[in-house]
Amino acid sequence: MPNITLLHSPTCGACPSAKRLWKELRVKYSFSYREVDITTPDGQELANRHSVRAVPATIIDGRLTFVGVPPRQSAEKALQLRMKPQGA
């Protein structure tokens, strides 16, 4: 199961759209999801580790995958690539 972390900021205008996208995709796909405010110590540590300079930023399975709000099709493709086939 993929692990999705969304780095966001309370002052970010695009972040609500990114949050909505990932929450909608959780209905269709099974993945672990958490939101981390970049202004918190945990958020700062993640931003430094992944060289994040803008939010929203999506980290999938420990890799910075998207900066900004990804197109739905791109987000779904990223999830599908990390999903285990049935019976695996």
C-alpha atoms as a PDB file:
ATOM      1  CA  MET A   1       0.000   0.000   0.000  1.00  0.00           C
ATOM      2  CA  PRO A   2       1.479   3.378  -0.992  1.00  0.00           C
ATOM      3  CA  ASN A   3       2.220   5.980   1.666  1.00  0.00           C
ATOM      4  CA  ILE A   4       1.221   9.510   0.692  1.00  0.00           C
ATOM      5  CA  THR A   5       2.335  12.575   2.649  1.00  0.00           C
ATOM      6  CA  LEU A   6       1.036  15.971   1.626  1.00  0.00           C
ATOM      7  CA  LEU A   7       3.066  18.942   2.825  1.00  0.00           C
ATOM      8  CA  HIS A   8       0.865  22.021   3.023  1.00  0.00           C
ATOM      9  CA  SER A   9       0.726  25.475   4.536  1.00  0.00           C
ATOM     10  CA  PRO A  10      -2.182  27.320   6.149  1.00  0.00           C
ATOM     11  CA  THR A  11      -1.501  30.298   3.852  1.00  0.00           C
ATOM     12  CA  CYS A  12      -1.312  28.270   0.628  1.00  0.00           C
ATOM     13  CA  GLY A  13      -4.086  28.989  -1.866  1.00  0.00           C
ATOM     14  CA  ALA A  14      -3.590  25.748  -3.820  1.00  0.00           C
ATOM     15  CA  CYS A  15      -3.280  23.420  -0.833  1.00  0.00           C
ATOM     16  CA  PRO A  16      -7.031  22.881  -0.305  1.00  0.00           C
ATOM     17  CA  SER A  17      -7.290  21.576  -3.890  1.00  0.00           C
ATOM     18  CA  ALA A  18      -4.432  19.135  -3.308  1.00  0.00           C
ATOM     19  CA  LYS A  19      -6.006  17.940  -0.055  1.00  0.00           C
ATOM     20  CA  ARG A  20      -9.344  17.435  -1.800  1.00  0.00           C
ATOM     21  CA  LEU A  21      -7.720  15.484  -4.663  1.00  0.00           C
ATOM     22  CA  TRP A  22      -5.915  13.031  -2.373  1.00  0.00           C
ATOM     23  CA  LYS A  23      -8.981  12.564  -0.164  1.00  0.00           C
ATOM     24  CA  GLU A  24     -11.110  11.818  -3.247  1.00  0.00           C
ATOM     25  CA  LEU A  25      -8.553   9.312  -4.514  1.00  0.00           C
ATOM     26  CA  ARG A  26      -8.649   7.471  -1.179  1.00  0.00           C
ATOM     27  CA  VAL A  27     -12.204   6.453  -2.062  1.00  0.00           C
ATOM     28  CA  LYS A  28     -10.953   4.619  -5.159  1.00  0.00           C
ATOM     29  CA  TYR A  29      -7.489   3.477  -4.023  1.00  0.00           C
ATOM     30  CA  SER A  30      -6.171   2.046  -0.794  1.00  0.00           C
ATOM     31  CA  PHE A  31      -3.228   4.048   0.549  1.00  0.00           C
ATOM     32  CA  SER A  32      -1.899   5.515   3.736  1.00  0.00           C
ATOM     33  CA  TYR A  33      -2.373   9.295   3.820  1.00  0.00           C
ATOM     34  CA  ARG A  34      -1.266  12.070   6.099  1.00  0.00           C
ATOM     35  CA  GLU A  35      -1.149  15.832   5.884  1.00  0.00           C
ATOM     36  CA  VAL A  36       1.759  17.720   7.425  1.00  0.00           C
ATOM     37  CA  ASP A  37       1.845  21.476   7.925  1.00  0.00           C
ATOM     38  CA  ILE A  38       5.198  22.721   6.620  1.00  0.00           C
ATOM     39  CA  THR A  39       5.362  25.305   9.422  1.00  0.00           C
ATOM     40  CA  THR A  40       5.606  22.575  12.093  1.00  0.00           C
ATOM     41  CA  PRO A  41       8.891  20.942  13.167  1.00  0.00           C
ATOM     42  CA  ASP A  42       7.837  17.693  11.432  1.00  0.00           C
ATOM     43  CA  GLY A  43       6.979  19.660   8.288  1.00  0.00           C
ATOM     44  CA  GLN A  44      10.293  21.501   8.328  1.00  0.00           C
ATOM     45  CA  GLU A  45      12.192  18.229   8.743  1.00  0.00           C
ATOM     46  CA  LEU A  46      10.338  16.651   5.793  1.00  0.00           C
ATOM     47  CA  ALA A  47      10.841  19.769   3.658  1.00  0.00           C
ATOM     48  CA  ASN A  48      14.573  19.788   4.391  1.00  0.00           C
ATOM     49  CA  ARG A  49      14.962  16.042   3.786  1.00  0.00           C
ATOM     50  CA  HIS A  50      13.197  16.251   0.405  1.00  0.00           C
ATOM     51  CA  SER A  51      14.440  19.729  -0.617  1.00  0.00           C
ATOM     52  CA  VAL A  52      10.860  21.026  -0.787  1.00  0.00           C
ATOM     53  CA  ARG A  53      10.749  24.719  -1.620  1.00  0.00           C
ATOM     54  CA  ALA A  54       7.030  25.107  -2.404  1.00  0.00           C
ATOM     55  CA  VAL A  55       3.720  23.648  -1.292  1.00  0.00           C
ATOM     56  CA  PRO A  56       1.614  21.704  -1.819  1.00  0.00           C
ATOM     57  CA  ALA A  57       4.195  18.959  -2.146  1.00  0.00           C
ATOM     58  CA  THR A  58       3.317  15.282  -2.362  1.00  0.00           C
ATOM     59  CA  ILE A  59       5.729  12.640  -1.115  1.00  0.00           C
ATOM     60  CA  ILE A  60       4.884   9.106  -2.201  1.00  0.00           C
ATOM     61  CA  ASP A  61       6.730   6.228  -0.561  1.00  0.00           C
ATOM     62  CA  GLY A  62       9.494   8.548   0.624  1.00  0.00           C
ATOM     63  CA  ARG A  63      10.061  10.313  -2.710  1.00  0.00           C
ATOM     64  CA  LEU A  64       9.033  13.827  -3.631  1.00  0.00           C
ATOM     65  CA  THR A  65       6.642  13.104  -6.491  1.00  0.00           C
ATOM     66  CA  PHE A  66       4.619  16.277  -7.091  1.00  0.00           C
ATOM     67  CA  VAL A  67       5.022  19.957  -6.318  1.00  0.00           C
ATOM     68  CA  GLY A  68       1.785  21.843  -6.818  1.00  0.00           C
ATOM     69  CA  VAL A  69      -1.583  20.242  -7.373  1.00  0.00           C
ATOM     70  CA  PRO A  70      -1.039  17.243  -9.634  1.00  0.00           C
ATOM     71  CA  PRO A  71      -3.456  16.574 -12.475  1.00  0.00           C
ATOM     72  CA  ARG A  72      -5.833  13.826 -11.350  1.00  0.00           C
ATOM     73  CA  GLN A  73      -4.654  11.518 -14.131  1.00  0.00           C
ATOM     74  CA  SER A  74      -1.003  11.908 -13.068  1.00  0.00           C
ATOM     75  CA  ALA A  75      -1.868  11.277  -9.412  1.00  0.00           C
ATOM     76  CA  GLU A  76      -3.821   8.141 -10.321  1.00  0.00           C
ATOM     77  CA  LYS A  77      -0.980   6.873 -12.501  1.00  0.00           C
ATOM     78  CA  ALA A  78       1.508   7.393  -9.668  1.00  0.00           C
ATOM     79  CA  LEU A  79      -0.742   5.395  -7.345  1.00  0.00           C
ATOM     80  CA  GLN A  80      -1.330   2.611  -9.867  1.00  0.00           C
ATOM     81  CA  LEU A  81       2.426   2.184 -10.352  1.00  0.00           C
ATOM     82  CA  ARG A  82       2.827   1.580  -6.632  1.00  0.00           C
ATOM     83  CA  MET A  83      -0.168  -0.701  -6.101  1.00  0.00           C
ATOM     84  CA  LYS A  84       0.480  -4.393  -5.629  1.00  0.00           C
ATOM     85  CA  PRO A  85      -1.291  -6.612  -8.147  1.00  0.00           C
ATOM     86  CA  GLN A  86      -4.195  -8.650  -6.794  1.00  0.00           C
ATOM     87  CA  GLY A  87      -2.948 -11.891  -5.281  1.00  0.00           C
ATOM     88  CA  ALA A  88       0.634 -10.644  -4.856  1.00  0.00           C
END
